[in-house]
Amino acid sequence: MSGPHTTVLSVPFDSAERARRIERSVRPEIGAIDGDRTTATLVREGDTVEITVTADDLVALRAGCNTWLTLVGTAERADTGAGTVQSTREG
């Protein structure tokens, strides 16, 4: 199957503030990790972060989706950990 192929990853969060922190965490990667066969765009609306991955072929699309899901997951874990550290310091 020839491309382009596109997938939209829509990730809702429990608040617009958390979505903003996740978006700010992964935004620097837009353009920085695009390959020869894959590109991505990032949009945040309210409490949802949306990443559109476009690729020339299905193998590149799968790899791109895996990359962005990993980046968002890492940002979520870091954000959760940052809240724990902040709460500990305040108490």
Foldseek 3Di string as FASTA:
>chain_A
DWDWDKDKDKDFDPWQVLQVQLCVQCVVCQVVPADPFKHWDWDDDTRIIMIMMIGGDDVVSVVVVVVVVVSSVVSVVVVVVVVVVVVVVVD
